[in-house]
Amino acid sequence: MNDNTLVIIKSSPYKDTQAQDGLDFVMAAAAFDLPVKILFQNEGIFNLIRNQDSSLVNRDNFIDFIKAAELYEIDPIYIIKSDLDKYNLDLNKLIIESNIIKLIDKDNLIDLYNNFNHILTY
């Protein structure tokens, strides 16, 4: 196991700054070539929905960063399958390409966590 970090985004995109803070951390880590991955969980999955307009709530739009995740070697992006079902979403409604998404079962979270030295939750 390498010295790597998993960032869990549980916050919806514009409720507060938690999701933005988490994505800022990921971007900073990736800029310094630190191994980092993202898991979108619970309401955090709303960060991935297409056609969001952040100007309505006076916030920065971080959609472009999420779309550029593959360039920063942040792929795969982990999503819990049951969260898609819970919020009646499918991969076609998300802003990222399905080829960089890795769906995981909630029952396998511990196995995922065991692959990382550091886990941060936003």
C-alpha atoms as a PDB file:
ATOM      1  CA  MET A   1       0.000   0.000   0.000  1.00  0.00           C
ATOM      2  CA  ASN A   2       1.351   3.404  -0.985  1.00  0.00           C
ATOM      3  CA  ASP A   3       1.027   6.517   1.127  1.00  0.00           C
ATOM      4  CA  ASN A   4      -2.277   7.617  -0.381  1.00  0.00           C
ATOM      5  CA  THR A   5      -5.398   9.502   0.574  1.00  0.00           C
ATOM      6  CA  LEU A   6      -9.103   8.962   0.049  1.00  0.00           C
ATOM      7  CA  VAL A   7     -11.282  12.056   0.181  1.00  0.00           C
ATOM      8  CA  ILE A   8     -14.934  11.325   0.930  1.00  0.00           C
ATOM      9  CA  ILE A   9     -17.378  13.980  -0.246  1.00  0.00           C
ATOM     10  CA  LYS A  10     -20.663  13.591   1.683  1.00  0.00           C
ATOM     11  CA  SER A  11     -21.893  17.194   1.452  1.00  0.00           C
ATOM     12  CA  SER A  12     -24.226  18.515  -1.203  1.00  0.00           C
ATOM     13  CA  PRO A  13     -22.630  21.069  -3.517  1.00  0.00           C
ATOM     14  CA  TYR A  14     -24.065  24.366  -2.307  1.00  0.00           C
ATOM     15  CA  LYS A  15     -25.330  23.682   1.221  1.00  0.00           C
ATOM     16  CA  ASP A  16     -22.043  24.898   2.727  1.00  0.00           C
ATOM     17  CA  THR A  17     -18.383  24.933   1.694  1.00  0.00           C
ATOM     18  CA  GLN A  18     -17.573  21.354   2.711  1.00  0.00           C
ATOM     19  CA  ALA A  19     -17.736  19.863  -0.800  1.00  0.00           C
ATOM     20  CA  GLN A  20     -15.722  22.756  -2.230  1.00  0.00           C
ATOM     21  CA  ASP A  21     -13.137  22.391   0.545  1.00  0.00           C
ATOM     22  CA  GLY A  22     -12.786  18.683  -0.177  1.00  0.00           C
ATOM     23  CA  LEU A  23     -12.361  19.234  -3.891  1.00  0.00           C
ATOM     24  CA  ASP A  24      -9.852  22.038  -3.231  1.00  0.00           C
ATOM     25  CA  PHE A  25      -7.829  19.594  -1.127  1.00  0.00           C
ATOM     26  CA  VAL A  26      -7.941  17.003  -3.899  1.00  0.00           C
ATOM     27  CA  MET A  27      -6.804  19.556  -6.472  1.00  0.00           C
ATOM     28  CA  ALA A  28      -3.924  20.738  -4.262  1.00  0.00           C
ATOM     29  CA  ALA A  29      -2.795  17.174  -3.550  1.00  0.00           C
ATOM     30  CA  ALA A  30      -2.960  16.235  -7.227  1.00  0.00           C
ATOM     31  CA  ALA A  31      -1.011  19.367  -8.199  1.00  0.00           C
ATOM     32  CA  PHE A  32       1.828  18.100  -5.983  1.00  0.00           C
ATOM     33  CA  ASP A  33       1.562  14.585  -7.470  1.00  0.00           C
ATOM     34  CA  LEU A  34       0.272  13.113  -4.228  1.00  0.00           C
ATOM     35  CA  PRO A  35      -1.859  10.004  -4.752  1.00  0.00           C
ATOM     36  CA  VAL A  36      -5.457  10.916  -3.981  1.00  0.00           C
ATOM     37  CA  LYS A  37      -8.858   9.450  -4.869  1.00  0.00           C
ATOM     38  CA  ILE A  38     -12.439  10.610  -4.301  1.00  0.00           C
ATOM     39  CA  LEU A  39     -15.516   8.807  -3.025  1.00  0.00           C
ATOM     40  CA  PHE A  40     -18.859  10.564  -3.450  1.00  0.00           C
ATOM     41  CA  GLN A  41     -21.294   9.343  -0.821  1.00  0.00           C
ATOM     42  CA  ASN A  42     -24.788  10.262   0.367  1.00  0.00           C
ATOM     43  CA  GLU A  43     -25.706  13.842  -0.669  1.00  0.00           C
ATOM     44  CA  GLY A  44     -22.183  14.273  -2.022  1.00  0.00           C
ATOM     45  CA  ILE A  45     -23.347  12.560  -5.182  1.00  0.00           C
ATOM     46  CA  PHE A  46     -25.272  15.742  -6.054  1.00  0.00           C
ATOM     47  CA  ASN A  47     -21.909  17.352  -6.839  1.00  0.00           C
ATOM     48  CA  LEU A  48     -21.809  15.177  -9.950  1.00  0.00           C
ATOM     49  CA  ILE A  49     -25.178  16.081 -11.494  1.00  0.00           C
ATOM     50  CA  ARG A  50     -25.094  17.802 -14.887  1.00  0.00           C
ATOM     51  CA  ASN A  51     -26.325  21.344 -15.628  1.00  0.00           C
ATOM     52  CA  GLN A  52     -25.831  22.978 -12.250  1.00  0.00           C
ATOM     53  CA  ASP A  53     -25.781  26.766 -12.038  1.00  0.00           C
ATOM     54  CA  SER A  54     -23.754  27.850  -9.027  1.00  0.00           C
ATOM     55  CA  SER A  55     -24.277  31.540  -9.786  1.00  0.00           C
ATOM     56  CA  LEU A  56     -27.744  31.271  -8.255  1.00  0.00           C
ATOM     57  CA  VAL A  57     -26.172  30.791  -4.820  1.00  0.00           C
ATOM     58  CA  ASN A  58     -23.089  32.983  -5.311  1.00  0.00           C
ATOM     59  CA  ARG A  59     -20.617  30.077  -5.232  1.00  0.00           C
ATOM     60  CA  ASP A  60     -17.759  29.002  -7.462  1.00  0.00           C
ATOM     61  CA  ASN A  61     -18.585  26.291  -9.938  1.00  0.00           C
ATOM     62  CA  PHE A  62     -16.260  23.323  -9.467  1.00  0.00           C
ATOM     63  CA  ILE A  63     -17.811  21.188 -12.196  1.00  0.00           C
ATOM     64  CA  ASP A  64     -14.825  21.741 -14.496  1.00  0.00           C
ATOM     65  CA  PHE A  65     -12.482  20.388 -11.859  1.00  0.00           C
ATOM     66  CA  ILE A  66     -14.524  17.228 -11.416  1.00  0.00           C
ATOM     67  CA  LYS A  67     -14.572  16.746 -15.181  1.00  0.00           C
ATOM     68  CA  ALA A  68     -10.758  17.109 -15.251  1.00  0.00           C
ATOM     69  CA  ALA A  69     -10.216  14.415 -12.615  1.00  0.00           C
ATOM     70  CA  GLU A  70      -8.824  11.984 -15.169  1.00  0.00           C
ATOM     71  CA  LEU A  71      -6.127  14.492 -16.181  1.00  0.00           C
ATOM     72  CA  TYR A  72      -5.039  14.758 -12.539  1.00  0.00           C
ATOM     73  CA  GLU A  73      -4.891  10.947 -12.259  1.00  0.00           C
ATOM     74  CA  ILE A  74      -7.679  10.976  -9.698  1.00  0.00           C
ATOM     75  CA  ASP A  75      -9.560   8.213 -11.460  1.00  0.00           C
ATOM     76  CA  PRO A  76     -11.335   6.046 -10.716  1.00  0.00           C
ATOM     77  CA  ILE A  77     -13.914   8.137  -8.953  1.00  0.00           C
ATOM     78  CA  TYR A  78     -15.782   5.981  -6.469  1.00  0.00           C
ATOM     79  CA  ILE A  79     -19.558   6.151  -6.098  1.00  0.00           C
ATOM     80  CA  ILE A  80     -21.719   4.001  -3.873  1.00  0.00           C
ATOM     81  CA  LYS A  81     -24.238   2.226  -6.070  1.00  0.00           C
ATOM     82  CA  SER A  82     -27.032   2.335  -3.489  1.00  0.00           C
ATOM     83  CA  ASP A  83     -26.709   6.153  -3.361  1.00  0.00           C
ATOM     84  CA  LEU A  84     -27.472   6.333  -7.080  1.00  0.00           C
ATOM     85  CA  ASP A  85     -30.546   4.222  -6.451  1.00  0.00           C
ATOM     86  CA  LYS A  86     -31.532   6.169  -3.338  1.00  0.00           C
ATOM     87  CA  TYR A  87     -31.622   9.470  -5.241  1.00  0.00           C
ATOM     88  CA  ASN A  88     -33.015   7.926  -8.452  1.00  0.00           C
ATOM     89  CA  LEU A  89     -29.912   8.831 -10.470  1.00  0.00           C
ATOM     90  CA  ASP A  90     -28.137   6.978 -13.209  1.00  0.00           C
ATOM     91  CA  LEU A  91     -24.703   7.411 -14.731  1.00  0.00           C
ATOM     92  CA  ASN A  92     -26.134   9.358 -17.697  1.00  0.00           C
ATOM     93  CA  LYS A  93     -27.170  12.195 -15.346  1.00  0.00           C
ATOM     94  CA  LEU A  94     -23.622  12.681 -14.077  1.00  0.00           C
ATOM     95  CA  ILE A  95     -20.999  15.083 -15.418  1.00  0.00           C
ATOM     96  CA  ILE A  96     -18.200  12.552 -15.496  1.00  0.00           C
ATOM     97  CA  GLU A  97     -17.709   9.789 -17.998  1.00  0.00           C
ATOM     98  CA  SER A  98     -18.788   6.357 -16.846  1.00  0.00           C
ATOM     99  CA  ASN A  99     -15.394   4.888 -17.797  1.00  0.00           C
ATOM    100  CA  ILE A 100     -13.706   6.640 -14.840  1.00  0.00           C
ATOM    101  CA  ILE A 101     -16.447   5.781 -12.329  1.00  0.00           C
ATOM    102  CA  LYS A 102     -16.116   2.752 -10.125  1.00  0.00           C
ATOM    103  CA  LEU A 103     -19.379   1.758  -8.477  1.00  0.00           C
ATOM    104  CA  ILE A 104     -18.978   0.034  -5.147  1.00  0.00           C
ATOM    105  CA  ASP A 105     -21.387  -1.672  -2.818  1.00  0.00           C
ATOM    106  CA  LYS A 106     -21.848  -0.127   0.602  1.00  0.00           C
ATOM    107  CA  ASP A 107     -20.891  -3.504   2.062  1.00  0.00           C
ATOM    108  CA  ASN A 108     -17.413  -3.133   0.515  1.00  0.00           C
ATOM    109  CA  LEU A 109     -16.555   0.255   2.051  1.00  0.00           C
ATOM    110  CA  ILE A 110     -14.219  -1.246   4.651  1.00  0.00           C
ATOM    111  CA  ASP A 111     -12.282  -3.011   1.893  1.00  0.00           C
ATOM    112  CA  LEU A 112     -11.970   0.288   0.042  1.00  0.00           C
ATOM    113  CA  TYR A 113     -10.878   2.148   3.185  1.00  0.00           C
ATOM    114  CA  ASN A 114      -8.196  -0.452   3.848  1.00  0.00           C
ATOM    115  CA  ASN A 115      -6.478   0.575   0.590  1.00  0.00           C
ATOM    116  CA  PHE A 116      -5.712   4.053   1.925  1.00  0.00           C
ATOM    117  CA  ASN A 117      -3.402   5.422   4.602  1.00  0.00           C
ATOM    118  CA  HIS A 118      -5.393   8.621   5.093  1.00  0.00           C
ATOM    119  CA  ILE A 119      -9.135   9.231   4.856  1.00  0.00           C
ATOM    120  CA  LEU A 120     -10.620  12.735   4.959  1.00  0.00           C
ATOM    121  CA  THR A 121     -14.349  13.406   5.013  1.00  0.00           C
ATOM    122  CA  TYR A 122     -16.009  16.598   3.813  1.00  0.00           C
END
